[in-house]
N, C-alpha and C. Protein backbone atom coordinates (compact mmCIF):
# COMPACT_ATOMS: atom_id res chain seq x y z
N MET A 1 -40.16 -80.18 9.59
CA MET A 1 -41.44 -79.66 10.79
C MET A 1 -40.76 -79.64 12.15
N ALA A 2 -40.65 -78.54 12.62
CA ALA A 2 -39.74 -78.30 14.16
C ALA A 2 -40.63 -79.15 14.94
N ILE A 3 -39.97 -78.86 16.16
CA ILE A 3 -40.74 -79.56 17.44
C ILE A 3 -41.73 -78.74 17.75
N ASP A 4 -42.65 -79.47 18.48
CA ASP A 4 -43.91 -78.53 19.06
C ASP A 4 -43.44 -78.07 20.15
N PRO A 5 -43.39 -76.65 20.51
CA PRO A 5 -42.85 -76.17 21.74
C PRO A 5 -44.03 -76.22 22.80
N ASN A 6 -45.31 -76.69 22.27
CA ASN A 6 -46.44 -76.95 23.49
C ASN A 6 -46.64 -78.41 23.91
N PHE A 7 -45.78 -79.18 23.37
CA PHE A 7 -45.92 -80.63 23.45
C PHE A 7 -46.00 -81.18 25.01
N GLU A 8 -46.22 -80.59 25.95
CA GLU A 8 -46.34 -81.00 27.17
C GLU A 8 -47.96 -80.85 27.51
N ARG A 9 -48.41 -80.17 26.84
CA ARG A 9 -49.87 -79.67 26.59
C ARG A 9 -50.65 -80.54 25.47
N THR A 10 -49.83 -80.81 24.36
CA THR A 10 -50.29 -81.64 23.58
C THR A 10 -50.28 -83.12 23.12
N ARG A 11 -49.38 -83.57 23.97
CA ARG A 11 -49.09 -85.01 23.74
C ARG A 11 -48.83 -85.59 25.47
N GLU A 12 -48.97 -86.73 25.45
CA GLU A 12 -49.20 -87.57 26.76
C GLU A 12 -47.86 -88.24 27.07
N ARG A 13 -47.45 -87.95 28.43
CA ARG A 13 -46.01 -88.75 28.97
C ARG A 13 -46.51 -90.04 29.11
N VAL A 14 -45.68 -90.68 28.28
CA VAL A 14 -45.94 -92.27 28.07
C VAL A 14 -44.87 -93.14 28.85
N ASP A 15 -43.64 -92.63 29.21
CA ASP A 15 -42.66 -93.33 29.79
C ASP A 15 -41.45 -92.50 30.34
N GLU A 16 -40.39 -92.90 30.73
CA GLU A 16 -39.19 -92.34 31.25
C GLU A 16 -37.90 -93.25 30.93
N ARG A 17 -37.15 -92.26 30.48
CA ARG A 17 -35.91 -92.96 29.87
C ARG A 17 -34.67 -92.10 30.94
N ASP A 18 -33.78 -93.13 31.62
CA ASP A 18 -32.74 -92.59 32.59
C ASP A 18 -33.24 -91.15 33.01
N GLY A 19 -34.57 -91.19 33.78
CA GLY A 19 -35.06 -89.84 34.82
C GLY A 19 -35.44 -88.64 33.81
N VAL A 20 -35.46 -89.36 32.56
CA VAL A 20 -35.93 -87.99 31.41
C VAL A 20 -37.26 -88.54 31.10
N ALA A 21 -38.24 -87.55 30.98
CA ALA A 21 -39.88 -87.76 30.50
C ALA A 21 -39.74 -88.28 29.07
N VAL A 22 -40.68 -89.03 28.66
CA VAL A 22 -40.62 -89.39 27.02
C VAL A 22 -42.19 -89.20 26.67
N TRP A 23 -42.43 -88.28 25.79
CA TRP A 23 -43.94 -87.98 25.49
C TRP A 23 -44.12 -88.57 24.22
N GLY A 24 -45.27 -89.14 24.35
CA GLY A 24 -45.68 -89.78 22.98
C GLY A 24 -46.28 -89.14 21.89
N PRO A 25 -46.78 -89.56 20.91
CA PRO A 25 -46.80 -91.23 20.87
C PRO A 25 -45.34 -91.93 20.55
N VAL A 26 -45.35 -93.03 21.05
CA VAL A 26 -44.09 -93.98 20.68
C VAL A 26 -44.47 -95.28 20.04
N GLU A 27 -43.92 -95.42 19.05
CA GLU A 27 -44.24 -96.69 18.33
C GLU A 27 -43.07 -97.07 17.63
N PRO A 28 -41.81 -97.74 18.19
CA PRO A 28 -40.64 -98.22 17.46
C PRO A 28 -40.98 -99.01 16.40
N PRO A 29 -40.36 -99.05 15.23
CA PRO A 29 -39.02 -98.07 15.26
C PRO A 29 -39.14 -96.82 14.77
N GLU A 30 -40.31 -96.33 14.22
CA GLU A 30 -40.80 -95.20 13.32
C GLU A 30 -40.87 -93.87 14.35
N LYS A 31 -41.60 -94.18 15.42
CA LYS A 31 -42.15 -93.11 16.45
C LYS A 31 -41.27 -93.16 17.54
N ARG A 32 -40.67 -92.57 17.91
CA ARG A 32 -39.91 -92.41 19.15
C ARG A 32 -40.13 -91.44 20.08
N GLY A 33 -41.05 -90.37 19.88
CA GLY A 33 -41.65 -89.49 20.84
C GLY A 33 -40.55 -88.07 20.93
N ILE A 34 -40.79 -87.23 21.69
CA ILE A 34 -40.18 -86.26 22.22
C ILE A 34 -39.65 -86.68 23.73
N HIS A 35 -37.98 -86.44 23.65
CA HIS A 35 -37.51 -86.93 25.13
C HIS A 35 -36.79 -85.59 25.88
N GLY A 36 -37.39 -85.71 27.08
CA GLY A 36 -37.26 -84.20 28.04
C GLY A 36 -38.54 -83.31 28.09
N THR A 37 -38.42 -82.76 29.02
CA THR A 37 -39.23 -81.66 29.29
C THR A 37 -38.46 -80.27 29.16
N HIS A 38 -37.63 -79.80 30.40
CA HIS A 38 -37.07 -78.64 30.19
C HIS A 38 -36.07 -78.26 28.93
N VAL A 39 -35.35 -79.45 28.74
CA VAL A 39 -34.69 -79.46 27.38
C VAL A 39 -35.47 -80.98 26.53
N ALA A 40 -35.89 -80.41 25.54
CA ALA A 40 -36.67 -81.54 24.77
C ALA A 40 -36.08 -81.64 23.42
N VAL A 41 -35.92 -83.10 23.04
CA VAL A 41 -35.52 -83.75 21.67
C VAL A 41 -36.56 -84.20 21.08
N ASP A 42 -37.00 -83.79 20.05
CA ASP A 42 -38.03 -84.77 19.09
C ASP A 42 -36.99 -85.84 18.53
N PHE A 43 -37.38 -87.15 18.77
CA PHE A 43 -36.55 -87.96 18.26
C PHE A 43 -37.02 -88.44 16.90
N ASP A 44 -38.23 -87.81 16.72
CA ASP A 44 -38.68 -88.31 15.49
C ASP A 44 -38.03 -87.66 14.06
N ILE A 45 -37.57 -86.46 14.49
CA ILE A 45 -36.90 -85.45 13.38
C ILE A 45 -35.15 -85.31 13.71
N CYS A 46 -34.83 -85.47 14.78
CA CYS A 46 -33.59 -85.65 15.03
C CYS A 46 -32.79 -86.42 14.21
N LEU A 47 -31.66 -85.47 13.57
CA LEU A 47 -30.81 -86.06 12.36
C LEU A 47 -29.51 -86.83 13.21
N ALA A 48 -29.38 -86.76 14.20
CA ALA A 48 -28.15 -86.92 14.95
C ALA A 48 -26.66 -86.46 14.08
N ASP A 49 -27.00 -85.25 14.01
CA ASP A 49 -25.72 -84.49 13.46
C ASP A 49 -24.42 -84.48 14.47
N GLY A 50 -24.89 -84.24 15.82
CA GLY A 50 -24.03 -84.23 16.94
C GLY A 50 -23.82 -82.75 17.02
N ALA A 51 -24.08 -81.96 16.78
CA ALA A 51 -24.11 -80.22 16.58
C ALA A 51 -24.60 -79.78 18.33
N CYS A 52 -25.38 -80.22 18.73
CA CYS A 52 -25.61 -80.09 20.19
C CYS A 52 -25.05 -80.89 21.34
N LEU A 53 -24.43 -81.91 20.79
CA LEU A 53 -23.29 -82.60 21.84
C LEU A 53 -22.31 -81.92 21.94
N GLU A 54 -21.75 -81.51 20.81
CA GLU A 54 -20.64 -80.61 20.50
C GLU A 54 -20.58 -79.19 21.25
N ASP A 55 -21.78 -78.27 20.97
CA ASP A 55 -21.74 -77.26 21.44
C ASP A 55 -22.23 -76.99 22.77
N CYS A 56 -22.93 -77.83 23.48
CA CYS A 56 -23.29 -77.69 24.87
C CYS A 56 -22.31 -77.59 26.22
N PRO A 57 -22.09 -76.32 26.76
CA PRO A 57 -21.22 -76.30 27.59
C PRO A 57 -21.25 -76.82 28.89
N VAL A 58 -22.48 -77.48 29.08
CA VAL A 58 -22.14 -78.54 30.36
C VAL A 58 -23.01 -79.96 29.99
N ASP A 59 -22.64 -80.27 28.68
CA ASP A 59 -22.86 -81.42 28.67
C ASP A 59 -24.42 -82.21 28.79
N VAL A 60 -25.22 -81.60 28.52
CA VAL A 60 -26.57 -82.19 28.69
C VAL A 60 -26.93 -83.08 28.23
N PHE A 61 -26.44 -83.59 26.43
CA PHE A 61 -26.85 -84.54 25.82
C PHE A 61 -25.74 -85.70 25.94
N GLU A 62 -26.25 -87.18 25.40
CA GLU A 62 -25.35 -88.00 25.32
C GLU A 62 -25.96 -88.86 24.27
N TRP A 63 -25.55 -89.86 23.70
CA TRP A 63 -26.01 -90.77 22.39
C TRP A 63 -26.67 -91.72 23.05
N VAL A 64 -27.85 -92.08 22.56
CA VAL A 64 -28.67 -93.18 22.71
C VAL A 64 -29.13 -94.10 21.34
N ASP A 65 -28.91 -95.45 21.41
CA ASP A 65 -29.33 -96.20 20.48
C ASP A 65 -30.74 -95.90 19.96
N THR A 66 -31.01 -96.10 18.67
CA THR A 66 -32.58 -96.08 18.27
C THR A 66 -32.55 -96.93 16.80
N PRO A 67 -32.55 -98.13 17.21
CA PRO A 67 -32.22 -98.89 15.85
C PRO A 67 -33.43 -99.07 14.83
N ASP A 68 -33.06 -98.79 13.82
CA ASP A 68 -34.30 -98.99 12.74
C ASP A 68 -34.90 -97.75 12.36
N HIS A 69 -34.82 -96.55 13.13
CA HIS A 69 -35.39 -95.38 12.95
C HIS A 69 -34.64 -95.11 11.26
N PRO A 70 -36.09 -94.51 10.64
CA PRO A 70 -35.59 -94.13 9.35
C PRO A 70 -34.89 -92.67 9.25
N GLU A 71 -34.54 -91.77 10.22
CA GLU A 71 -33.87 -90.48 10.08
C GLU A 71 -32.34 -90.87 10.52
N SER A 72 -32.25 -91.72 11.97
CA SER A 72 -31.02 -92.08 12.13
C SER A 72 -30.92 -93.32 13.50
N GLU A 73 -29.91 -93.87 13.57
CA GLU A 73 -30.08 -95.12 14.55
C GLU A 73 -29.57 -94.43 16.02
N ILE A 74 -29.18 -93.49 16.30
CA ILE A 74 -28.77 -92.88 17.36
C ILE A 74 -29.55 -91.47 17.48
N LYS A 75 -29.71 -90.81 19.01
CA LYS A 75 -29.90 -89.92 19.20
C LYS A 75 -29.42 -89.03 20.07
N ALA A 76 -29.66 -87.74 20.03
CA ALA A 76 -29.24 -86.74 21.26
C ALA A 76 -30.19 -86.90 22.50
N HIS A 77 -29.44 -87.72 23.16
CA HIS A 77 -30.61 -87.69 24.52
C HIS A 77 -30.35 -86.73 25.81
N PRO A 78 -31.41 -85.97 26.15
CA PRO A 78 -31.06 -84.88 27.10
C PRO A 78 -30.94 -85.57 28.54
N THR A 79 -30.24 -86.32 28.85
CA THR A 79 -29.95 -87.00 29.87
C THR A 79 -30.00 -86.23 31.17
N TYR A 80 -28.89 -85.30 30.94
CA TYR A 80 -28.74 -84.44 32.13
C TYR A 80 -29.37 -83.07 31.82
N GLU A 81 -30.64 -83.13 31.61
CA GLU A 81 -31.40 -81.80 31.26
C GLU A 81 -31.51 -80.93 32.45
N ASP A 82 -31.36 -81.41 33.84
CA ASP A 82 -31.49 -80.75 35.21
C ASP A 82 -29.99 -79.78 35.19
N GLN A 83 -28.93 -80.14 34.07
CA GLN A 83 -27.92 -79.30 34.23
C GLN A 83 -27.84 -78.01 33.03
N CYS A 84 -28.78 -78.00 32.46
CA CYS A 84 -29.11 -77.00 31.48
C CYS A 84 -28.92 -75.47 32.04
N ILE A 85 -28.13 -74.88 31.26
CA ILE A 85 -27.92 -73.40 31.66
C ILE A 85 -28.78 -72.57 30.90
N ASP A 86 -29.62 -72.83 30.16
CA ASP A 86 -30.61 -72.32 29.45
C ASP A 86 -29.90 -71.18 28.31
N CYS A 87 -28.86 -71.71 27.88
CA CYS A 87 -27.82 -70.88 26.79
C CYS A 87 -28.58 -70.80 25.61
N MET A 88 -29.20 -71.98 25.02
CA MET A 88 -29.83 -72.00 23.80
C MET A 88 -29.12 -72.29 22.69
N LEU A 89 -27.63 -72.67 22.76
CA LEU A 89 -26.98 -73.13 21.84
C LEU A 89 -27.29 -74.32 21.01
N CYS A 90 -27.94 -75.25 21.85
CA CYS A 90 -28.51 -76.45 20.97
C CYS A 90 -29.69 -76.25 20.06
N VAL A 91 -30.49 -75.41 20.86
CA VAL A 91 -31.32 -74.85 19.78
C VAL A 91 -31.01 -74.26 18.53
N ASP A 92 -30.08 -73.10 18.72
CA ASP A 92 -29.49 -72.68 17.82
C ASP A 92 -28.82 -73.09 16.47
N VAL A 93 -28.05 -74.79 17.31
CA VAL A 93 -27.35 -74.81 16.14
C VAL A 93 -27.84 -76.41 15.49
N CYS A 94 -29.23 -76.83 16.02
CA CYS A 94 -29.77 -77.81 15.47
C CYS A 94 -30.27 -77.81 14.08
N PRO A 95 -29.83 -78.22 13.03
CA PRO A 95 -30.31 -77.96 11.65
C PRO A 95 -31.90 -78.15 11.14
N VAL A 96 -32.63 -79.10 12.03
CA VAL A 96 -33.86 -79.36 11.96
C VAL A 96 -34.70 -78.92 13.00
N ASP A 97 -34.32 -78.05 13.33
CA ASP A 97 -35.13 -77.67 15.01
C ASP A 97 -35.80 -78.66 15.70
N ALA A 98 -35.06 -79.64 16.21
CA ALA A 98 -35.60 -80.82 16.88
C ALA A 98 -35.38 -80.63 18.22
N ILE A 99 -35.02 -79.57 18.67
CA ILE A 99 -34.90 -79.40 20.19
C ILE A 99 -35.16 -77.92 20.68
N ASP A 100 -36.13 -78.02 21.71
CA ASP A 100 -36.76 -76.93 22.40
C ASP A 100 -36.13 -76.99 23.87
N VAL A 101 -35.66 -75.62 24.58
CA VAL A 101 -35.60 -75.28 25.87
C VAL A 101 -36.31 -74.04 26.38
N ASP A 102 -37.08 -74.70 27.36
CA ASP A 102 -38.00 -73.92 27.84
C ASP A 102 -38.15 -73.91 29.45
N PRO A 103 -37.29 -72.96 30.16
CA PRO A 103 -37.30 -73.04 31.66
C PRO A 103 -38.42 -72.94 32.46
N SER A 104 -39.67 -72.71 31.68
CA SER A 104 -40.79 -72.33 32.40
C SER A 104 -41.40 -73.84 32.61
N ARG A 105 -41.15 -75.07 31.90
CA ARG A 105 -41.94 -76.20 31.63
C ARG A 105 -41.80 -76.85 33.03
N GLU A 106 -42.46 -77.77 33.33
CA GLU A 106 -42.17 -78.69 34.62
C GLU A 106 -40.91 -79.10 34.91
N ASN A 107 -40.52 -79.70 35.75
CA ASN A 107 -39.41 -80.30 36.19
C ASN A 107 -38.26 -79.41 36.24
N ARG A 108 -38.12 -78.14 36.12
CA ARG A 108 -37.05 -77.41 36.03
C ARG A 108 -36.36 -77.24 37.33
N VAL A 109 -34.98 -77.53 37.42
CA VAL A 109 -34.30 -77.41 38.70
C VAL A 109 -33.51 -76.07 38.75
């Protein structure tokens, strides 16, 4: 199941990590929520294959630890989402559709 592109309306903002919004529910280790707003990564379905980190021309993502998560123990966090140029490469290469980029969402720089 792909990331919900309407998450900012269907989920509650519950936290922040490195200046990036986290949308719930968050119940570690299984549920980690969606991280980011303009560039959003669903940590619950991210497989951590690294394609987004490799292909992003402006280095939006960095690895973060997610110990004991059933899919992977690291995730691609959109730490520098404010640098996104909306090229959509990360969306195109994600094998499980865990990433959504929408320049119209709040916090767009």
